[in-house]
Every structure is written in structure tokens, then in C-alpha cells.
Amino acid sequence: MARGWESKSVKGQIDDSHLEKKDVAAVVSKGRHINRPPRPSREKEALLLARTRLLSDMQSTENPRYKVFLETSLAAVDKQISEIQ
């Protein structure tokens, strides 16, 4: 008995999943997003986080060689950010 009930439950969940996918696909194909505010691309977001980390490290380091490395890295990140925009 438990097996029959479980399989019916699983079948219902699978059916619901397919319906949700169809609904989401229809909404996305029309160019609308569900409950999502516009946000920058993940790549740009990651670069901005890396830039923030580099600036923080530059302020806290006293090693001149490491500071030069961080400045070079910051320039590379800034270039990548400008290419995305």
C-alpha cells in the first residue's frame, strides 16, 4: 500500500514539475522574468568583487613588490570590466 501511495505522489510531483517548466519557458520566451530584478552579469559581478578585494589588499599591504603585483592585477580587471560594458 505504501508503495502505491508513494508512486502516485512521485508521479504527481513529476507532472507538476513539467507544468512549471512549461510555464517558466512561456514567460521567459516572452522576454519577462519571474520575480527577478535586473542585475549585472555574473562575470561582471565577479570582476567587481575581485576589484574590491584588490583595492582592499593594496591598502593593507606594505610590501612594494606585492603592491606592484596588485596594481597590475587591478589594471587587468579594470580592462576586463570595460570590455564587458
PDB file of N, CA and C in Angstrom:
ATOM      1  N   MET A   1       0.823  -1.187   0.000  1.00  0.00           N
ATOM      2  CA  MET A   1       0.000   0.000   0.000  1.00  0.00           C
ATOM      3  C   MET A   1       0.867   1.250   0.000  1.00  0.00           C
ATOM      4  N   ALA A   2       1.911   1.235   0.809  1.00  0.00           N
ATOM      5  CA  ALA A   2       2.761   2.421   0.886  1.00  0.00           C
ATOM      6  C   ALA A   2       3.446   2.685  -0.449  1.00  0.00           C
ATOM      7  N   ARG A   3       3.807   1.625  -1.136  1.00  0.00           N
ATOM      8  CA  ARG A   3       4.479   1.794  -2.408  1.00  0.00           C
ATOM      9  C   ARG A   3       3.560   2.458  -3.442  1.00  0.00           C
ATOM     10  N   GLY A   4       2.346   2.026  -3.495  1.00  0.00           N
ATOM     11  CA  GLY A   4       1.401   2.621  -4.431  1.00  0.00           C
ATOM     12  C   GLY A   4       1.173   4.090  -4.143  1.00  0.00           C
ATOM     13  N   TRP A   5       1.063   4.434  -2.871  1.00  0.00           N
ATOM     14  CA  TRP A   5       0.849   5.837  -2.492  1.00  0.00           C
ATOM     15  C   TRP A   5       2.075   6.665  -2.876  1.00  0.00           C
ATOM     16  N   GLU A   6       3.259   6.116  -2.605  1.00  0.00           N
ATOM     17  CA  GLU A   6       4.492   6.831  -2.902  1.00  0.00           C
ATOM     18  C   GLU A   6       4.633   7.074  -4.402  1.00  0.00           C
ATOM     19  N   SER A   7       4.336   6.074  -5.203  1.00  0.00           N
ATOM     20  CA  SER A   7       4.497   6.236  -6.645  1.00  0.00           C
ATOM     21  C   SER A   7       3.497   7.259  -7.192  1.00  0.00           C
ATOM     22  N   LYS A   8       2.291   7.308  -6.610  1.00  0.00           N
ATOM     23  CA  LYS A   8       1.325   8.314  -7.041  1.00  0.00           C
ATOM     24  C   LYS A   8       1.819   9.704  -6.686  1.00  0.00           C
ATOM     25  N   SER A   9       2.412   9.822  -5.527  1.00  0.00           N
ATOM     26  CA  SER A   9       2.945  11.109  -5.096  1.00  0.00           C
ATOM     27  C   SER A   9       4.083  11.555  -6.019  1.00  0.00           C
ATOM     28  N   VAL A  10       4.961  10.636  -6.347  1.00  0.00           N
ATOM     29  CA  VAL A  10       6.085  10.949  -7.228  1.00  0.00           C
ATOM     30  C   VAL A  10       5.568  11.330  -8.612  1.00  0.00           C
ATOM     31  N   LYS A  11       4.587  10.594  -9.117  1.00  0.00           N
ATOM     32  CA  LYS A  11       4.026  10.906 -10.427  1.00  0.00           C
ATOM     33  C   LYS A  11       3.411  12.311 -10.415  1.00  0.00           C
ATOM     34  N   GLY A  12       2.715  12.646  -9.341  1.00  0.00           N
ATOM     35  CA  GLY A  12       2.133  13.988  -9.232  1.00  0.00           C
ATOM     36  C   GLY A  12       3.201  15.063  -9.209  1.00  0.00           C
ATOM     37  N   GLN A  13       4.296  14.808  -8.504  1.00  0.00           N
ATOM     38  CA  GLN A  13       5.385  15.782  -8.444  1.00  0.00           C
ATOM     39  C   GLN A  13       6.039  15.950  -9.816  1.00  0.00           C
ATOM     40  N   ILE A  14       6.201  14.858 -10.530  1.00  0.00           N
ATOM     41  CA  ILE A  14       6.792  14.927 -11.867  1.00  0.00           C
ATOM     42  C   ILE A  14       5.884  15.719 -12.800  1.00  0.00           C
ATOM     43  N   ASP A  15       4.584  15.451 -12.728  1.00  0.00           N
ATOM     44  CA  ASP A  15       3.641  16.194 -13.564  1.00  0.00           C
ATOM     45  C   ASP A  15       3.664  17.682 -13.239  1.00  0.00           C
ATOM     46  N   ASP A  16       3.691  18.006 -11.943  1.00  0.00           N
ATOM     47  CA  ASP A  16       3.753  19.411 -11.531  1.00  0.00           C
ATOM     48  C   ASP A  16       5.038  20.068 -12.026  1.00  0.00           C
ATOM     49  N   SER A  17       6.133  19.313 -11.975  1.00  0.00           N
ATOM     50  CA  SER A  17       7.418  19.835 -12.430  1.00  0.00           C
ATOM     51  C   SER A  17       7.369  20.179 -13.916  1.00  0.00           C
ATOM     52  N   HIS A  18       6.771  19.306 -14.707  1.00  0.00           N
ATOM     53  CA  HIS A  18       6.668  19.559 -16.148  1.00  0.00           C
ATOM     54  C   HIS A  18       5.801  20.782 -16.424  1.00  0.00           C
ATOM     55  N   LEU A  19       4.735  20.943 -15.676  1.00  0.00           N
ATOM     56  CA  LEU A  19       3.868  22.115 -15.861  1.00  0.00           C
ATOM     57  C   LEU A  19       4.611  23.396 -15.518  1.00  0.00           C
ATOM     58  N   GLU A  20       5.377  23.371 -14.413  1.00  0.00           N
ATOM     59  CA  GLU A  20       6.133  24.553 -14.021  1.00  0.00           C
ATOM     60  C   GLU A  20       7.160  24.919 -15.082  1.00  0.00           C
ATOM     61  N   LYS A  21       7.833  23.926 -15.636  1.00  0.00           N
ATOM     62  CA  LYS A  21       8.841  24.189 -16.664  1.00  0.00           C
ATOM     63  C   LYS A  21       8.205  24.820 -17.891  1.00  0.00           C
ATOM     64  N   LYS A  22       7.033  24.334 -18.277  1.00  0.00           N
ATOM     65  CA  LYS A  22       6.341  24.904 -19.428  1.00  0.00           C
ATOM     66  C   LYS A  22       5.937  26.352 -19.149  1.00  0.00           C
ATOM     67  N   ASP A  23       5.439  26.620 -17.937  1.00  0.00           N
ATOM     68  CA  ASP A  23       5.027  27.976 -17.569  1.00  0.00           C
ATOM     69  C   ASP A  23       6.224  28.922 -17.570  1.00  0.00           C
ATOM     70  N   VAL A  24       7.330  28.484 -17.002  1.00  0.00           N
ATOM     71  CA  VAL A  24       8.533  29.321 -16.957  1.00  0.00           C
ATOM     72  C   VAL A  24       9.056  29.560 -18.363  1.00  0.00           C
ATOM     73  N   ALA A  25       9.071  28.531 -19.186  1.00  0.00           N
ATOM     74  CA  ALA A  25       9.558  28.675 -20.559  1.00  0.00           C
ATOM     75  C   ALA A  25       8.686  29.661 -21.327  1.00  0.00           C
ATOM     76  N   ALA A  26       7.393  29.620 -21.120  1.00  0.00           N
ATOM     77  CA  ALA A  26       6.491  30.546 -21.812  1.00  0.00           C
ATOM     78  C   ALA A  26       6.743  31.976 -21.373  1.00  0.00           C
ATOM     79  N   VAL A  27       6.954  32.189 -20.091  1.00  0.00           N
ATOM     80  CA  VAL A  27       7.188  33.539 -19.582  1.00  0.00           C
ATOM     81  C   VAL A  27       8.531  34.061 -20.059  1.00  0.00           C
ATOM     82  N   VAL A  28       9.568  33.227 -20.006  1.00  0.00           N
ATOM     83  CA  VAL A  28      10.901  33.657 -20.423  1.00  0.00           C
ATOM     84  C   VAL A  28      10.928  33.923 -21.922  1.00  0.00           C
ATOM     85  N   SER A  29      10.227  33.115 -22.697  1.00  0.00           N
ATOM     86  CA  SER A  29      10.234  33.323 -24.144  1.00  0.00           C
ATOM     87  C   SER A  29       9.558  34.641 -24.523  1.00  0.00           C
ATOM     88  N   LYS A  30       8.701  35.147 -23.675  1.00  0.00           N
ATOM     89  CA  LYS A  30       8.061  36.436 -23.934  1.00  0.00           C
ATOM     90  C   LYS A  30       8.923  37.604 -23.471  1.00  0.00           C
ATOM     91  N   GLY A  31      10.086  37.295 -22.905  1.00  0.00           N
ATOM     92  CA  GLY A  31      11.010  38.349 -22.505  1.00  0.00           C
ATOM     93  C   GLY A  31      10.781  38.862 -21.095  1.00  0.00           C
ATOM     94  N   ARG A  32       9.969  38.205 -20.325  1.00  0.00           N
ATOM     95  CA  ARG A  32       9.718  38.630 -18.955  1.00  0.00           C
ATOM     96  C   ARG A  32      10.394  37.671 -17.995  1.00  0.00           C
ATOM     97  N   HIS A  33      10.758  38.178 -16.844  1.00  0.00           N
ATOM     98  CA  HIS A  33      11.382  37.352 -15.823  1.00  0.00           C
ATOM     99  C   HIS A  33      10.457  37.263 -14.620  1.00  0.00           C
ATOM    100  N   ILE A  34      10.535  36.171 -13.929  1.00  0.00           N
ATOM    101  CA  ILE A  34       9.687  35.955 -12.766  1.00  0.00           C
ATOM    102  C   ILE A  34      10.436  36.383 -11.513  1.00  0.00           C
ATOM    103  N   ASN A  35       9.935  37.403 -10.835  1.00  0.00           N
ATOM    104  CA  ASN A  35      10.474  37.853  -9.547  1.00  0.00           C
ATOM    105  C   ASN A  35      11.982  38.076  -9.574  1.00  0.00           C
ATOM    106  N   ARG A  36      12.516  38.545 -10.652  1.00  0.00           N
ATOM    107  CA  ARG A  36      13.952  38.795 -10.723  1.00  0.00           C
ATOM    108  C   ARG A  36      14.206  40.259 -11.077  1.00  0.00           C
ATOM    109  N   PRO A  37      14.838  40.977 -10.179  1.00  0.00           N
ATOM    110  CA  PRO A  37      15.212  42.342 -10.543  1.00  0.00           C
ATOM    111  C   PRO A  37      16.377  42.309 -11.525  1.00  0.00           C
ATOM    112  N   PRO A  38      16.503  43.306 -12.365  1.00  0.00           N
ATOM    113  CA  PRO A  38      17.635  43.307 -13.298  1.00  0.00           C
ATOM    114  C   PRO A  38      18.948  43.383 -12.516  1.00  0.00           C
ATOM    115  N   ARG A  39      19.942  42.594 -12.938  1.00  0.00           N
ATOM    116  CA  ARG A  39      21.232  42.620 -12.269  1.00  0.00           C
ATOM    117  C   ARG A  39      22.338  42.399 -13.286  1.00  0.00           C
ATOM    118  N   PRO A  40      23.522  42.845 -12.951  1.00  0.00           N
ATOM    119  CA  PRO A  40      24.623  42.669 -13.906  1.00  0.00           C
ATOM    120  C   PRO A  40      24.943  41.199 -14.096  1.00  0.00           C
ATOM    121  N   SER A  41      25.649  40.940 -15.168  1.00  0.00           N
ATOM    122  CA  SER A  41      26.017  39.559 -15.453  1.00  0.00           C
ATOM    123  C   SER A  41      26.889  39.004 -14.334  1.00  0.00           C
ATOM    124  N   ARG A  42      26.897  37.707 -14.215  1.00  0.00           N
ATOM    125  CA  ARG A  42      27.698  37.067 -13.161  1.00  0.00           C
ATOM    126  C   ARG A  42      29.187  37.354 -13.355  1.00  0.00           C
ATOM    127  N   GLU A  43      29.605  37.399 -14.596  1.00  0.00           N
ATOM    128  CA  GLU A  43      31.023  37.665 -14.864  1.00  0.00           C
ATOM    129  C   GLU A  43      31.410  39.054 -14.378  1.00  0.00           C
ATOM    130  N   LYS A  44      30.566  40.038 -14.684  1.00  0.00           N
ATOM    131  CA  LYS A  44      30.855  41.402 -14.254  1.00  0.00           C
ATOM    132  C   LYS A  44      30.811  41.501 -12.736  1.00  0.00           C
ATOM    133  N   GLU A  45      29.861  40.834 -12.138  1.00  0.00           N
ATOM    134  CA  GLU A  45      29.742  40.840 -10.688  1.00  0.00           C
ATOM    135  C   GLU A  45      30.993  40.244 -10.048  1.00  0.00           C
ATOM    136  N   ALA A  46      31.493  39.163 -10.613  1.00  0.00           N
ATOM    137  CA  ALA A  46      32.707  38.533 -10.089  1.00  0.00           C
ATOM    138  C   ALA A  46      33.912  39.453 -10.246  1.00  0.00           C
ATOM    139  N   LEU A  47      33.984  40.141 -11.375  1.00  0.00           N
ATOM    140  CA  LEU A  47      35.094  41.071 -11.592  1.00  0.00           C
ATOM    141  C   LEU A  47      35.033  42.244 -10.614  1.00  0.00           C
ATOM    142  N   LEU A  48      33.848  42.742 -10.352  1.00  0.00           N
ATOM    143  CA  LEU A  48      33.709  43.843  -9.398  1.00  0.00           C
ATOM    144  C   LEU A  48      34.105  43.402  -7.989  1.00  0.00           C
ATOM    145  N   LEU A  49      33.774  42.177  -7.626  1.00  0.00           N
ATOM    146  CA  LEU A  49      34.196  41.652  -6.331  1.00  0.00           C
ATOM    147  C   LEU A  49      35.717  41.498  -6.270  1.00  0.00           C
ATOM    148  N   ALA A  50      36.301  41.020  -7.352  1.00  0.00           N
ATOM    149  CA  ALA A  50      37.760  40.877  -7.404  1.00  0.00           C
ATOM    150  C   ALA A  50      38.428  42.243  -7.303  1.00  0.00           C
ATOM    151  N   ARG A  51      37.841  43.232  -7.960  1.00  0.00           N
ATOM    152  CA  ARG A  51      38.389  44.584  -7.907  1.00  0.00           C
ATOM    153  C   ARG A  51      38.357  45.135  -6.485  1.00  0.00           C
ATOM    154  N   THR A  52      37.254  44.909  -5.800  1.00  0.00           N
ATOM    155  CA  THR A  52      37.133  45.362  -4.411  1.00  0.00           C
ATOM    156  C   THR A  52      38.178  44.692  -3.535  1.00  0.00           C
ATOM    157  N   ARG A  53      38.375  43.408  -3.744  1.00  0.00           N
ATOM    158  CA  ARG A  53      39.381  42.676  -2.965  1.00  0.00           C
ATOM    159  C   ARG A  53      40.785  43.198  -3.250  1.00  0.00           C
ATOM    160  N   LEU A  54      41.094  43.476  -4.509  1.00  0.00           N
ATOM    161  CA  LEU A  54      42.411  44.001  -4.862  1.00  0.00           C
ATOM    162  C   LEU A  54      42.653  45.362  -4.203  1.00  0.00           C
ATOM    163  N   LEU A  55      41.653  46.228  -4.233  1.00  0.00           N
ATOM    164  CA  LEU A  55      41.798  47.543  -3.603  1.00  0.00           C
ATOM    165  C   LEU A  55      42.023  47.420  -2.097  1.00  0.00           C
ATOM    166  N   SER A  56      41.305  46.501  -1.481  1.00  0.00           N
ATOM    167  CA  SER A  56      41.468  46.269  -0.046  1.00  0.00           C
ATOM    168  C   SER A  56      42.872  45.763   0.270  1.00  0.00           C
ATOM    169  N   ASP A  57      43.356  44.823  -0.539  1.00  0.00           N
ATOM    170  CA  ASP A  57      44.707  44.290  -0.336  1.00  0.00           C
ATOM    171  C   ASP A  57      45.765  45.356  -0.563  1.00  0.00           C
ATOM    172  N   MET A  58      45.534  46.232  -1.534  1.00  0.00           N
ATOM    173  CA  MET A  58      46.502  47.300  -1.808  1.00  0.00           C
ATOM    174  C   MET A  58      46.619  48.252  -0.622  1.00  0.00           C
ATOM    175  N   GLN A  59      45.522  48.509   0.035  1.00  0.00           N
ATOM    176  CA  GLN A  59      45.553  49.424   1.176  1.00  0.00           C
ATOM    177  C   GLN A  59      46.229  48.800   2.393  1.00  0.00           C
ATOM    178  N   SER A  60      46.160  47.492   2.501  1.00  0.00           N
ATOM    179  CA  SER A  60      46.675  46.848   3.705  1.00  0.00           C
ATOM    180  C   SER A  60      48.108  46.327   3.577  1.00  0.00           C
ATOM    181  N   THR A  61      48.652  46.288   2.373  1.00  0.00           N
ATOM    182  CA  THR A  61      49.996  45.729   2.223  1.00  0.00           C
ATOM    183  C   THR A  61      51.069  46.806   2.344  1.00  0.00           C
ATOM    184  N   GLU A  62      52.225  46.358   2.807  1.00  0.00           N
ATOM    185  CA  GLU A  62      53.381  47.252   2.885  1.00  0.00           C
ATOM    186  C   GLU A  62      54.514  46.760   1.978  1.00  0.00           C
ATOM    187  N   ASN A  63      54.364  45.588   1.414  1.00  0.00           N
ATOM    188  CA  ASN A  63      55.375  45.002   0.543  1.00  0.00           C
ATOM    189  C   ASN A  63      55.284  45.655  -0.840  1.00  0.00           C
ATOM    190  N   PRO A  64      56.342  46.375  -1.268  1.00  0.00           N
ATOM    191  CA  PRO A  64      56.278  47.088  -2.551  1.00  0.00           C
ATOM    192  C   PRO A  64      56.130  46.154  -3.763  1.00  0.00           C
ATOM    193  N   ARG A  65      56.768  44.980  -3.714  1.00  0.00           N
ATOM    194  CA  ARG A  65      56.632  44.048  -4.841  1.00  0.00           C
ATOM    195  C   ARG A  65      55.206  43.520  -4.952  1.00  0.00           C
ATOM    196  N   TYR A  66      54.593  43.243  -3.815  1.00  0.00           N
ATOM    197  CA  TYR A  66      53.213  42.757  -3.828  1.00  0.00           C
ATOM    198  C   TYR A  66      52.267  43.865  -4.281  1.00  0.00           C
ATOM    199  N   LYS A  67      52.579  45.100  -3.905  1.00  0.00           N
ATOM    200  CA  LYS A  67      51.753  46.234  -4.313  1.00  0.00           C
ATOM    201  C   LYS A  67      51.792  46.407  -5.839  1.00  0.00           C
ATOM    202  N   VAL A  68      52.971  46.223  -6.444  1.00  0.00           N
ATOM    203  CA  VAL A  68      53.090  46.301  -7.902  1.00  0.00           C
ATOM    204  C   VAL A  68      52.262  45.186  -8.555  1.00  0.00           C
ATOM    205  N   PHE A  69      52.323  43.998  -7.993  1.00  0.00           N
ATOM    206  CA  PHE A  69      51.534  42.884  -8.494  1.00  0.00           C
ATOM    207  C   PHE A  69      50.041  43.202  -8.426  1.00  0.00           C
ATOM    208  N   LEU A  70      49.595  43.760  -7.307  1.00  0.00           N
ATOM    209  CA  LEU A  70      48.187  44.106  -7.143  1.00  0.00           C
ATOM    210  C   LEU A  70      47.758  45.195  -8.126  1.00  0.00           C
ATOM    211  N   GLU A  71      48.636  46.180  -8.365  1.00  0.00           N
ATOM    212  CA  GLU A  71      48.315  47.242  -9.325  1.00  0.00           C
ATOM    213  C   GLU A  71      48.168  46.671 -10.738  1.00  0.00           C
ATOM    214  N   THR A  72      49.036  45.758 -11.093  1.00  0.00           N
ATOM    215  CA  THR A  72      48.951  45.105 -12.406  1.00  0.00           C
ATOM    216  C   THR A  72      47.656  44.297 -12.514  1.00  0.00           C
ATOM    217  N   SER A  73      47.330  43.585 -11.471  1.00  0.00           N
ATOM    218  CA  SER A  73      46.094  42.798 -11.452  1.00  0.00           C
ATOM    219  C   SER A  73      44.873  43.698 -11.532  1.00  0.00           C
ATOM    220  N   LEU A  74      44.912  44.821 -10.831  1.00  0.00           N
ATOM    221  CA  LEU A  74      43.795  45.771 -10.859  1.00  0.00           C
ATOM    222  C   LEU A  74      43.607  46.335 -12.264  1.00  0.00           C
ATOM    223  N   ALA A  75      44.702  46.639 -12.937  1.00  0.00           N
ATOM    224  CA  ALA A  75      44.605  47.150 -14.306  1.00  0.00           C
ATOM    225  C   ALA A  75      43.981  46.098 -15.228  1.00  0.00           C
ATOM    226  N   ALA A  76      44.351  44.843 -15.042  1.00  0.00           N
ATOM    227  CA  ALA A  76      43.787  43.769 -15.873  1.00  0.00           C
ATOM    228  C   ALA A  76      42.289  43.604 -15.604  1.00  0.00           C
ATOM    229  N   VAL A  77      41.896  43.680 -14.348  1.00  0.00           N
ATOM    230  CA  VAL A  77      40.474  43.547 -14.000  1.00  0.00           C
ATOM    231  C   VAL A  77      39.690  44.730 -14.558  1.00  0.00           C
ATOM    232  N   ASP A  78      40.240  45.935 -14.435  1.00  0.00           N
ATOM    233  CA  ASP A  78      39.574  47.118 -14.975  1.00  0.00           C
ATOM    234  C   ASP A  78      39.386  47.005 -16.486  1.00  0.00           C
ATOM    235  N   LYS A  79      40.376  46.459 -17.175  1.00  0.00           N
ATOM    236  CA  LYS A  79      40.278  46.268 -18.617  1.00  0.00           C
ATOM    237  C   LYS A  79      39.157  45.281 -18.949  1.00  0.00           C
ATOM    238  N   GLN A  80      39.064  44.203 -18.191  1.00  0.00           N
ATOM    239  CA  GLN A  80      38.016  43.213 -18.439  1.00  0.00           C
ATOM    240  C   GLN A  80      36.636  43.801 -18.167  1.00  0.00           C
ATOM    241  N   ILE A  81      36.525  44.619 -17.136  1.00  0.00           N
ATOM    242  CA  ILE A  81      35.244  45.252 -16.827  1.00  0.00           C
ATOM    243  C   ILE A  81      34.830  46.197 -17.943  1.00  0.00           C
ATOM    244  N   SER A  82      35.785  46.962 -18.463  1.00  0.00           N
ATOM    245  CA  SER A  82      35.451  47.882 -19.549  1.00  0.00           C
ATOM    246  C   SER A  82      35.050  47.159 -20.819  1.00  0.00           C
ATOM    247  N   GLU A  83      35.595  45.969 -21.043  1.00  0.00           N
ATOM    248  CA  GLU A  83      35.235  45.181 -22.219  1.00  0.00           C
ATOM    249  C   GLU A  83      33.819  44.626 -22.117  1.00  0.00           C
ATOM    250  N   ILE A  84      33.367  44.375 -20.906  1.00  0.00           N
ATOM    251  CA  ILE A  84      32.025  43.850 -20.711  1.00  0.00           C
ATOM    252  C   ILE A  84      30.979  44.922 -20.952  1.00  0.00           C
ATOM    253  N   GLN A  85      31.253  46.134 -20.529  1.00  0.00           N
ATOM    254  CA  GLN A  85      30.289  47.226 -20.668  1.00  0.00           C
ATOM    255  C   GLN A  85      30.191  47.635 -22.068  1.00  0.00           C
TER     256      GLN A  85
END
